[in-house]
Amino acid sequence: MRNIIQQISVEFINKITEYFGNSNINIEDMEKELLVEAKACTAKLSAAYIEEIDLAILADKKGRKKAGFVVERRGDERQIQTKIGEIAFKRTYYCNKSRDEYAYLADQVVGIEGYSRVSSGLGLSLVSAARDMSYQKACNHITEGQISRQTVMHKIRESEAEEEIYTTEKRQVKNLHIDADEAHITLCGGRKSIVPLISVYEGIERKGKRGECKSVFHISEYGKSPDELWEQALTEIEQRYKLDGTTIYLHGDGGNWIKTGTQWIPNAIFVLDKYHKNKAIKEMTAGLEKNVRKAYDKEIREALFIGETRFFKELTQSIALELPERKDKIEKSAKYLNKFMHGISICNTDSEANNGGATEPHISHVLASRLSSRPMAWSKNTLKQLAPILASGSEIRLKKPIIQQQLPLHRNAARAASKAFLCRGTVGMPLPDSVGTLSALSGGKITPLLKALKAFN
């Protein structure tokens, strides 16, 4: 084992020293090429470590007998992709006849899941990358295309966002704003569906010409009923805030699932978001000449702002007379605005109602850029896992964490392998003998590094 470790180390050292022996290298080349060599060396050492664990388990006959494991076969090969590259090693397959159990005990010691071709660390990196890019781009970015797009999809389904644990005292704020909207997506098979998004924040802070939502957090779940979704939202809000004396504004387009929120959020005031209000007004005035359209637009906004339903009805009739061919569309948009007139006029009577309503930017930033901005189709199973991950912005974890075995047999093997790696030449051990070994293994070649090491003698 010691010779294997030193041989790997010497090969790495020689490659590095030979690399620096060449001329015309720059920092960009160093970063790229030396990182490849470092990863390759680490992968080889990792494989040697696992194989040493396997040898330790095989040699521990007393421990295996106590645990009930006997050798089924030896030398089974395994390759697993990791963040440092592919690790390829051989290990022994064991049988526990009393429990009718078969296992690769070395895999259990280091926490390698059965049948998985990707390590847990690499899997989480792929899921993190897939938040912002396609499966294929995530593969190329993290592994240079060494794994398939389907592997990324499976890792998403095996992952979830870390749950935040709140240990600080709940905050008391005067106002809270909730934006509720949805991303429209396509399911596998062509059927359309939606992914809801709820964004909670303490109002909009102005930074120059830009506005930012203060202390915002997002909630998104696919497949939940409106009641289940709003119950979750209320729970997360109550974990952060004391709601006594807090005025809550719910901004949205007035859809049924959004209106359900007013039944769950205590004393919530509904505000029709500006995007859908402006869209409906434009649909009413479309087709009019520019100057006429501007005049009607101004009058409609004034009627809605002060809640004047009679004047708004007269404006609707007047536009319909000028554009009889669009009468149905005009009346449909007018009916929508009239239905939520109180949700519009509240901005006149309560100035704080204007300090929110960023539904479309939230959708675009959190969900749409990944789920619906490009032609793609999604499976329901993937959306159930991906939507909360996109919304949370927190760390990602495996749904079923891989638990390393803690039997005495496993612990003894890990200690034995670690001891084997503590060969001469490491911290606390004599150095000159190690230098001699390295020199011998390298064929007697005296490299600058070997000269430097001998200087410590």
Protein backbone atom coordinates (compact mmCIF):
# COMPACT_ATOMS: atom_id res chain seq x y z
CA MET A 1 0.00 0.00 0.00
CA ARG A 2 2.80 2.39 0.92
CA ASN A 3 4.48 1.85 -2.47
CA ILE A 4 1.22 2.54 -4.31
CA ILE A 5 0.73 5.83 -2.47
CA GLN A 6 4.30 6.91 -3.08
CA GLN A 7 4.19 5.87 -6.71
CA ILE A 8 1.08 7.99 -7.31
CA SER A 9 2.69 10.89 -5.47
CA VAL A 10 5.96 10.64 -7.40
CA GLU A 11 4.15 10.50 -10.74
CA PHE A 12 2.27 13.64 -9.79
CA ILE A 13 5.42 15.44 -8.60
CA ASN A 14 7.32 14.54 -11.77
CA LYS A 15 4.49 15.78 -14.00
CA ILE A 16 4.36 19.07 -12.12
CA THR A 17 8.10 19.66 -12.17
CA GLU A 18 8.32 18.73 -15.85
CA TYR A 19 5.46 21.11 -16.58
CA PHE A 20 7.27 24.00 -14.94
CA GLY A 21 10.42 22.98 -16.82
CA ASN A 22 8.76 24.12 -20.05
CA SER A 23 8.95 27.72 -21.16
CA ASN A 24 6.20 30.10 -22.26
CA ILE A 25 3.55 29.11 -19.72
CA ASN A 26 1.11 31.59 -18.24
CA ILE A 27 -1.23 31.68 -15.27
CA GLU A 28 -4.24 30.68 -17.37
CA ASP A 29 -2.47 27.53 -18.57
CA MET A 30 -1.37 26.74 -15.01
CA GLU A 31 -4.90 26.98 -13.65
CA LYS A 32 -6.31 24.70 -16.32
CA GLU A 33 -3.61 22.05 -16.73
CA LEU A 34 -2.38 21.77 -13.15
CA LEU A 35 -5.92 21.44 -11.83
CA VAL A 36 -6.45 18.46 -14.15
CA GLU A 37 -3.28 16.79 -12.82
CA ALA A 38 -4.20 17.53 -9.19
CA LYS A 39 -7.67 16.04 -9.62
CA ALA A 40 -6.30 12.96 -11.36
CA CYS A 41 -3.80 12.40 -8.54
CA THR A 42 -6.48 12.83 -5.88
CA ALA A 43 -8.81 10.42 -7.68
CA LYS A 44 -6.09 7.76 -7.78
CA LEU A 45 -5.33 8.25 -4.08
CA SER A 46 -9.04 8.03 -3.28
CA ALA A 47 -9.30 4.74 -5.16
CA ALA A 48 -6.25 3.44 -3.28
CA TYR A 49 -7.85 4.44 0.01
CA ILE A 50 -11.07 2.56 -0.76
CA GLU A 51 -9.14 -0.52 -1.87
CA GLU A 52 -7.13 -0.36 1.36
CA ILE A 53 -10.39 -0.31 3.32
CA ASP A 54 -11.50 -3.36 1.36
CA LEU A 55 -8.25 -5.18 2.20
CA ALA A 56 -8.64 -4.28 5.88
CA ILE A 57 -12.16 -5.71 5.96
CA LEU A 58 -10.98 -8.87 4.21
CA ALA A 59 -8.16 -9.29 6.72
CA ASP A 60 -10.45 -8.71 9.73
CA LYS A 61 -11.81 -12.27 9.86
CA LYS A 62 -12.77 -11.98 13.50
CA GLY A 63 -14.75 -8.79 12.91
CA ARG A 64 -16.46 -10.23 9.82
CA LYS A 65 -17.41 -13.39 11.63
CA LYS A 66 -18.96 -11.37 14.47
CA ALA A 67 -20.91 -9.26 11.96
CA GLY A 68 -21.93 -12.38 10.02
CA PHE A 69 -20.32 -11.56 6.67
CA VAL A 70 -18.52 -14.07 4.45
CA VAL A 71 -16.84 -13.51 1.08
CA GLU A 72 -19.13 -14.01 -1.90
CA ARG A 73 -16.63 -12.90 -4.57
CA ARG A 74 -13.61 -10.64 -4.93
CA GLY A 75 -12.36 -8.03 -7.40
CA ASP A 76 -15.67 -6.46 -8.48
CA GLU A 77 -14.95 -3.23 -10.34
CA ARG A 78 -16.71 0.07 -9.60
CA GLN A 79 -16.52 3.49 -11.23
CA ILE A 80 -18.10 6.56 -9.71
CA GLN A 81 -18.05 10.13 -10.98
CA THR A 82 -17.08 12.68 -8.32
CA LYS A 83 -16.16 16.35 -8.14
CA ILE A 84 -12.51 15.34 -8.57
CA GLY A 85 -13.20 13.09 -11.56
CA GLU A 86 -13.85 9.39 -12.00
CA ILE A 87 -12.71 7.10 -9.19
CA ALA A 88 -12.20 3.50 -10.33
CA PHE A 89 -11.49 0.75 -7.82
CA LYS A 90 -12.05 -2.92 -6.99
CA ARG A 91 -13.67 -4.34 -3.88
CA THR A 92 -15.13 -7.49 -2.36
CA TYR A 93 -18.76 -8.60 -2.33
CA TYR A 94 -19.98 -10.10 0.96
CA CYS A 95 -22.95 -12.16 2.05
CA ASN A 96 -24.70 -12.26 5.43
CA LYS A 97 -26.63 -15.52 5.28
CA SER A 98 -28.40 -15.06 8.60
CA ARG A 99 -30.01 -11.85 7.33
CA ASP A 100 -30.09 -12.78 3.64
CA GLU A 101 -28.09 -9.62 2.93
CA TYR A 102 -25.47 -8.91 0.28
CA ALA A 103 -23.22 -5.84 0.43
CA TYR A 104 -20.01 -4.18 -0.67
CA LEU A 105 -18.74 -3.29 2.80
CA ALA A 106 -16.02 -0.94 1.51
CA ASP A 107 -18.70 1.10 -0.28
CA GLN A 108 -20.63 1.39 2.97
CA VAL A 109 -17.61 2.66 4.89
CA VAL A 110 -17.09 5.65 2.57
CA GLY A 111 -20.82 6.28 2.00
CA ILE A 112 -21.14 5.23 -1.65
CA GLU A 113 -24.73 4.45 -2.51
CA GLY A 114 -25.44 1.18 -4.26
CA TYR A 115 -25.86 1.36 -8.05
CA SER A 116 -25.18 5.12 -8.14
CA ARG A 117 -22.73 6.33 -10.78
CA VAL A 118 -22.49 9.81 -9.24
CA SER A 119 -21.27 10.79 -5.78
CA SER A 120 -23.57 12.74 -3.49
CA GLY A 121 -21.30 15.80 -3.62
CA LEU A 122 -21.23 15.84 -7.41
CA GLY A 123 -24.99 15.23 -7.53
CA LEU A 124 -25.70 18.29 -5.36
CA SER A 125 -23.36 20.39 -7.53
CA LEU A 126 -25.27 19.32 -10.63
CA VAL A 127 -28.61 20.21 -9.02
CA SER A 128 -27.26 23.60 -7.97
CA ALA A 129 -26.10 24.29 -11.53
CA ALA A 130 -29.46 23.11 -12.93
CA ARG A 131 -31.15 25.96 -11.05
CA ASP A 132 -29.80 28.37 -13.66
CA MET A 133 -29.14 26.30 -16.76
CA SER A 134 -30.37 23.33 -18.75
CA TYR A 135 -29.53 19.75 -17.82
CA GLN A 136 -27.01 19.51 -20.66
CA LYS A 137 -25.30 22.78 -19.76
CA ALA A 138 -25.11 21.65 -16.13
CA CYS A 139 -23.40 18.41 -17.31
CA ASN A 140 -20.93 20.33 -19.45
CA HIS A 141 -20.21 22.95 -16.80
CA ILE A 142 -19.65 20.58 -13.88
CA THR A 143 -18.33 17.38 -15.50
CA GLU A 144 -17.37 18.43 -19.05
CA GLY A 145 -20.10 16.18 -20.43
CA GLN A 146 -19.03 13.02 -18.57
CA ILE A 147 -22.58 12.21 -17.44
CA SER A 148 -26.01 12.31 -19.10
CA ARG A 149 -28.84 14.82 -18.85
CA GLN A 150 -31.04 12.09 -17.37
CA THR A 151 -28.61 11.77 -14.47
CA VAL A 152 -29.11 15.45 -13.63
CA MET A 153 -32.88 14.96 -13.73
CA HIS A 154 -32.67 11.97 -11.37
CA LYS A 155 -30.46 13.94 -8.96
CA ILE A 156 -33.04 16.74 -8.87
CA ARG A 157 -35.71 14.21 -7.94
CA GLU A 158 -33.48 12.91 -5.14
CA SER A 159 -32.83 16.38 -3.70
CA GLU A 160 -34.66 19.09 -1.78
CA ALA A 161 -34.01 22.56 -0.43
CA GLU A 162 -32.58 22.83 3.06
CA GLU A 163 -35.20 23.83 5.61
CA GLU A 164 -34.36 27.07 7.37
CA ILE A 165 -34.43 26.85 11.17
CA TYR A 166 -35.33 30.11 12.85
CA THR A 167 -33.76 30.56 16.25
CA THR A 168 -33.98 34.36 16.40
CA GLU A 169 -36.92 36.22 17.91
CA LYS A 170 -39.86 36.87 15.61
CA ARG A 171 -39.91 40.31 14.06
CA GLN A 172 -42.69 42.87 14.43
CA VAL A 173 -43.29 44.98 11.32
CA LYS A 174 -46.00 47.48 10.46
CA ASN A 175 -46.65 46.17 6.93
CA LEU A 176 -46.06 43.01 4.91
CA HIS A 177 -46.57 42.53 1.20
CA ILE A 178 -47.31 39.21 -0.53
CA ASP A 179 -47.05 38.79 -4.30
CA ALA A 180 -48.80 35.74 -5.78
CA ASP A 181 -48.50 34.69 -9.41
CA GLU A 182 -47.66 31.65 -11.51
CA ALA A 183 -45.32 30.53 -14.26
CA HIS A 184 -47.09 28.89 -17.20
CA ILE A 185 -45.28 25.73 -18.24
CA THR A 186 -45.69 22.77 -20.59
CA LEU A 187 -45.81 19.22 -19.26
CA CYS A 188 -44.47 16.17 -21.06
CA GLY A 189 -47.15 15.27 -23.58
CA GLY A 190 -47.99 18.89 -24.40
CA ARG A 191 -50.52 19.66 -21.66
CA LYS A 192 -50.29 23.12 -20.11
CA SER A 193 -49.98 23.72 -16.39
CA ILE A 194 -48.86 26.32 -13.85
CA VAL A 195 -46.24 26.54 -11.10
CA PRO A 196 -47.39 28.97 -8.37
CA LEU A 197 -45.06 31.40 -6.63
CA ILE A 198 -45.66 33.32 -3.40
CA SER A 199 -43.20 36.10 -2.50
CA VAL A 200 -43.27 37.75 0.94
CA TYR A 201 -41.41 40.98 1.76
CA GLU A 202 -41.54 44.14 3.87
CA GLY A 203 -42.13 46.62 1.06
CA ILE A 204 -39.95 48.10 -1.67
CA GLU A 205 -36.80 50.06 -0.90
CA ARG A 206 -35.73 52.64 -3.46
CA LYS A 207 -32.07 52.64 -4.47
CA GLY A 208 -31.77 55.40 -7.02
CA LYS A 209 -34.17 54.61 -9.84
CA ARG A 210 -34.36 50.96 -8.88
CA GLY A 211 -36.48 49.32 -6.24
CA GLU A 212 -35.63 46.23 -4.20
CA CYS A 213 -37.95 44.08 -2.13
CA LYS A 214 -36.88 44.22 1.51
CA SER A 215 -36.22 40.86 3.28
CA VAL A 216 -37.93 38.88 0.52
CA PHE A 217 -38.42 35.11 0.61
CA HIS A 218 -40.21 32.86 -1.86
CA ILE A 219 -42.44 29.79 -1.66
CA SER A 220 -43.23 27.53 -4.61
CA GLU A 221 -44.78 24.07 -4.68
CA TYR A 222 -46.10 22.13 -7.64
CA GLY A 223 -49.10 19.84 -7.22
CA LYS A 224 -50.40 21.23 -3.93
CA SER A 225 -53.97 22.47 -3.55
CA PRO A 226 -54.47 26.22 -2.93
CA ASP A 227 -55.35 25.53 0.70
CA GLU A 228 -52.22 23.44 1.23
CA LEU A 229 -50.05 26.09 -0.44
CA TRP A 230 -51.44 28.99 1.60
CA GLU A 231 -51.28 26.99 4.81
CA GLN A 232 -47.57 26.47 4.14
CA ALA A 233 -47.16 30.18 3.35
CA LEU A 234 -48.87 31.22 6.58
CA THR A 235 -46.68 28.80 8.57
CA GLU A 236 -43.48 30.24 7.09
CA ILE A 237 -44.66 33.82 7.65
CA GLU A 238 -45.53 33.08 11.30
CA GLN A 239 -42.09 31.53 11.81
CA ARG A 240 -40.55 34.91 10.97
CA TYR A 241 -43.06 37.53 12.10
CA LYS A 242 -45.47 38.49 14.86
CA LEU A 243 -48.60 39.35 12.93
CA ASP A 244 -50.48 41.22 15.66
CA GLY A 245 -50.93 44.77 14.42
CA THR A 246 -49.39 44.02 10.99
CA THR A 247 -51.24 45.10 7.85
CA ILE A 248 -50.79 42.57 5.05
CA TYR A 249 -51.31 43.39 1.37
CA LEU A 250 -51.87 40.51 -1.07
CA HIS A 251 -50.95 41.48 -4.65
CA GLY A 252 -52.03 39.34 -7.58
CA ASP A 253 -54.21 38.98 -10.65
CA GLY A 254 -57.27 37.84 -8.69
CA GLY A 255 -57.18 34.20 -9.79
CA ASN A 256 -59.11 31.71 -7.67
CA TRP A 257 -56.02 30.19 -6.04
CA ILE A 258 -54.73 33.66 -5.20
CA LYS A 259 -58.03 34.81 -3.70
CA THR A 260 -57.86 31.73 -1.45
CA GLY A 261 -54.94 33.46 0.24
CA THR A 262 -57.27 36.12 1.67
CA GLN A 263 -59.00 33.31 3.60
CA TRP A 264 -55.74 32.06 5.10
CA ILE A 265 -53.73 35.24 5.68
CA PRO A 266 -55.29 37.15 8.60
CA ASN A 267 -56.85 40.52 7.60
CA ALA A 268 -55.20 40.40 4.16
CA ILE A 269 -56.09 43.30 1.84
CA PHE A 270 -56.25 42.34 -1.84
CA VAL A 271 -54.50 44.64 -4.34
CA LEU A 272 -54.75 44.03 -8.08
CA ASP A 273 -51.19 44.06 -9.35
CA LYS A 274 -50.25 46.79 -11.79
CA TYR A 275 -49.15 44.45 -14.57
CA HIS A 276 -52.57 42.86 -14.98
CA LYS A 277 -54.37 46.17 -14.46
CA ASN A 278 -52.32 47.83 -17.22
CA LYS A 279 -52.75 44.82 -19.50
CA ALA A 280 -56.56 44.95 -19.17
CA ILE A 281 -56.63 48.72 -19.83
CA LYS A 282 -54.55 48.27 -23.00
CA GLU A 283 -56.89 45.52 -24.17
CA MET A 284 -59.83 47.90 -23.73
CA THR A 285 -58.27 50.73 -25.79
CA ALA A 286 -56.49 48.64 -28.45
CA GLY A 287 -57.48 49.67 -31.97
CA LEU A 288 -58.18 53.34 -31.19
CA GLU A 289 -56.18 56.13 -32.75
CA LYS A 290 -53.19 57.17 -30.70
CA ASN A 291 -54.56 60.46 -29.34
CA VAL A 292 -57.98 58.98 -28.64
CA ARG A 293 -56.41 55.94 -26.98
CA LYS A 294 -54.35 58.15 -24.66
CA ALA A 295 -57.43 60.16 -23.68
CA TYR A 296 -59.47 57.06 -22.87
CA ASP A 297 -56.53 55.51 -21.02
CA LYS A 298 -56.29 58.55 -18.75
CA GLU A 299 -60.03 58.61 -18.07
CA ILE A 300 -60.19 54.86 -17.34
CA ARG A 301 -57.32 55.09 -14.86
CA GLU A 302 -58.95 58.02 -13.11
CA ALA A 303 -62.28 56.19 -12.81
CA LEU A 304 -60.56 53.09 -11.41
CA PHE A 305 -58.38 55.12 -9.06
CA ILE A 306 -61.33 56.83 -7.38
CA GLY A 307 -63.61 53.78 -7.62
CA GLU A 308 -66.19 55.49 -9.84
CA THR A 309 -68.07 52.48 -11.27
CA ARG A 310 -70.74 54.51 -13.09
CA PHE A 311 -68.22 56.62 -15.01
CA PHE A 312 -66.17 53.51 -15.81
CA LYS A 313 -69.29 51.84 -17.25
CA GLU A 314 -69.95 54.87 -19.48
CA LEU A 315 -66.38 54.81 -20.73
CA THR A 316 -66.70 51.11 -21.58
CA GLN A 317 -69.89 51.71 -23.57
CA SER A 318 -68.32 54.64 -25.42
CA ILE A 319 -65.27 52.61 -26.49
CA ALA A 320 -67.51 49.71 -27.58
CA LEU A 321 -69.48 52.09 -29.82
CA GLU A 322 -66.29 53.30 -31.49
CA LEU A 323 -65.00 49.74 -31.98
CA PRO A 324 -68.06 47.50 -32.42
CA GLU A 325 -65.92 44.71 -33.91
CA ARG A 326 -64.03 44.48 -30.56
CA LYS A 327 -67.06 44.84 -28.30
CA ASP A 328 -66.72 41.38 -26.70
CA LYS A 329 -63.03 41.84 -25.86
CA ILE A 330 -63.60 45.35 -24.54
CA GLU A 331 -66.44 44.23 -22.28
CA LYS A 332 -64.45 41.20 -21.08
CA SER A 333 -61.51 43.40 -20.00
CA ALA A 334 -63.86 45.96 -18.46
CA LYS A 335 -65.63 43.24 -16.47
CA TYR A 336 -62.29 42.07 -15.11
CA LEU A 337 -61.30 45.57 -14.00
CA ASN A 338 -64.72 46.30 -12.53
CA LYS A 339 -64.60 43.05 -10.53
CA PHE A 340 -61.39 44.17 -8.80
CA MET A 341 -62.06 47.90 -8.67
CA HIS A 342 -61.69 47.92 -4.90
CA GLY A 343 -58.31 46.23 -5.31
CA ILE A 344 -57.31 49.13 -7.57
CA SER A 345 -58.85 52.08 -5.71
CA ILE A 346 -57.21 50.92 -2.44
CA CYS A 347 -54.04 52.52 -3.82
CA ASN A 348 -55.83 55.89 -3.62
CA THR A 349 -57.05 55.56 -0.05
CA ASP A 350 -54.00 53.69 1.34
CA SER A 351 -50.60 54.81 0.04
CA GLU A 352 -48.85 51.72 1.50
CA ALA A 353 -50.74 49.56 -1.02
CA ASN A 354 -48.50 51.13 -3.67
CA ASN A 355 -45.37 49.95 -1.88
CA GLY A 356 -45.59 46.43 -3.35
CA GLY A 357 -46.76 44.50 -6.35
CA ALA A 358 -43.73 42.99 -8.12
CA THR A 359 -45.40 39.78 -9.24
CA GLU A 360 -44.03 39.62 -12.78
CA PRO A 361 -40.40 40.41 -11.84
CA HIS A 362 -40.55 37.71 -9.17
CA ILE A 363 -41.91 35.16 -11.65
CA SER A 364 -39.33 36.12 -14.27
CA HIS A 365 -36.40 36.02 -11.84
CA VAL A 366 -37.30 32.97 -9.75
CA LEU A 367 -39.24 30.59 -12.03
CA ALA A 368 -39.78 31.66 -15.64
CA SER A 369 -36.09 32.03 -16.54
CA ARG A 370 -35.66 28.32 -15.83
CA LEU A 371 -39.09 26.76 -16.38
CA SER A 372 -40.85 28.57 -19.21
CA SER A 373 -38.66 31.14 -21.00
CA ARG A 374 -37.36 28.51 -23.46
CA PRO A 375 -39.20 25.70 -25.26
CA MET A 376 -39.14 22.74 -22.89
CA ALA A 377 -41.44 20.18 -21.31
CA TRP A 378 -41.43 19.05 -17.69
CA SER A 379 -42.49 15.96 -15.79
CA LYS A 380 -44.64 16.37 -12.69
CA ASN A 381 -42.13 14.43 -10.55
CA THR A 382 -39.32 16.80 -11.48
CA LEU A 383 -41.41 19.93 -10.93
CA LYS A 384 -42.39 18.78 -7.43
CA GLN A 385 -38.71 18.83 -6.45
CA LEU A 386 -37.37 21.63 -8.65
CA ALA A 387 -39.96 24.36 -7.88
CA PRO A 388 -39.15 24.54 -4.12
CA ILE A 389 -35.41 24.45 -4.90
CA LEU A 390 -35.75 27.39 -7.31
CA ALA A 391 -37.84 29.37 -4.82
CA SER A 392 -35.79 28.77 -1.69
CA GLY A 393 -32.37 29.99 -2.81
CA SER A 394 -30.93 27.99 0.09
CA GLU A 395 -28.53 25.07 0.16
CA ILE A 396 -29.59 21.72 -1.31
CA ARG A 397 -29.57 18.36 0.43
CA LEU A 398 -30.42 14.77 -0.41
CA LYS A 399 -33.95 13.70 0.51
CA LYS A 400 -32.54 10.46 1.87
CA PRO A 401 -29.06 11.19 3.26
CA ILE A 402 -26.49 8.45 2.75
CA ILE A 403 -25.60 7.19 6.22
CA GLN A 404 -22.17 5.65 6.63
CA GLN A 405 -22.20 2.34 8.48
CA GLN A 406 -20.89 2.43 12.04
CA LEU A 407 -20.35 -1.26 12.83
CA PRO A 408 -17.05 -2.06 14.61
CA LEU A 409 -16.02 -3.83 11.39
CA HIS A 410 -16.45 -0.60 9.41
CA ARG A 411 -14.72 1.60 11.98
CA ASN A 412 -11.75 -0.76 12.27
CA ALA A 413 -11.32 -0.84 8.49
CA ALA A 414 -11.38 2.97 8.27
CA ARG A 415 -8.74 3.25 11.00
CA ALA A 416 -6.54 0.66 9.29
CA ALA A 417 -6.74 2.45 5.95
CA SER A 418 -5.93 5.80 7.53
CA LYS A 419 -2.93 4.27 9.29
CA ALA A 420 -1.67 2.89 5.99
CA PHE A 421 -1.71 6.40 4.51
CA LEU A 422 0.39 7.75 7.37
CA CYS A 423 3.58 6.45 5.76
CA ARG A 424 7.09 7.76 6.39
CA GLY A 425 7.69 11.27 5.12
CA THR A 426 4.42 12.70 6.46
CA VAL A 427 3.99 15.06 9.39
CA GLY A 428 5.70 13.74 12.50
CA MET A 429 7.75 11.09 10.63
CA PRO A 430 11.40 11.16 9.47
CA LEU A 431 11.77 12.78 6.05
CA PRO A 432 15.13 11.63 4.58
CA ASP A 433 14.08 7.97 4.09
CA SER A 434 10.99 9.15 2.23
CA VAL A 435 13.10 11.31 -0.04
CA GLY A 436 15.28 8.33 -0.83
CA THR A 437 12.23 6.24 -1.64
CA LEU A 438 10.85 8.94 -3.92
CA SER A 439 14.18 9.19 -5.69
CA ALA A 440 14.31 5.43 -6.15
CA LEU A 441 10.79 5.23 -7.46
CA SER A 442 11.49 8.00 -9.94
CA GLY A 443 14.38 6.04 -11.41
CA GLY A 444 17.07 7.99 -9.63
CA LYS A 445 16.13 11.21 -11.37
CA ILE A 446 17.02 14.19 -9.20
CA THR A 447 14.31 16.79 -9.66
CA PRO A 448 14.32 20.32 -8.19
CA LEU A 449 11.69 19.19 -5.70
CA LEU A 450 13.84 16.31 -4.51
CA LYS A 451 16.77 18.68 -4.07
CA ALA A 452 14.54 20.96 -1.99
CA LEU A 453 13.39 18.05 0.17
CA LYS A 454 16.96 16.87 0.75
CA ALA A 455 17.85 20.35 1.99
CA PHE A 456 15.74 19.62 5.07
CA ASN A 457 17.99 16.70 6.04
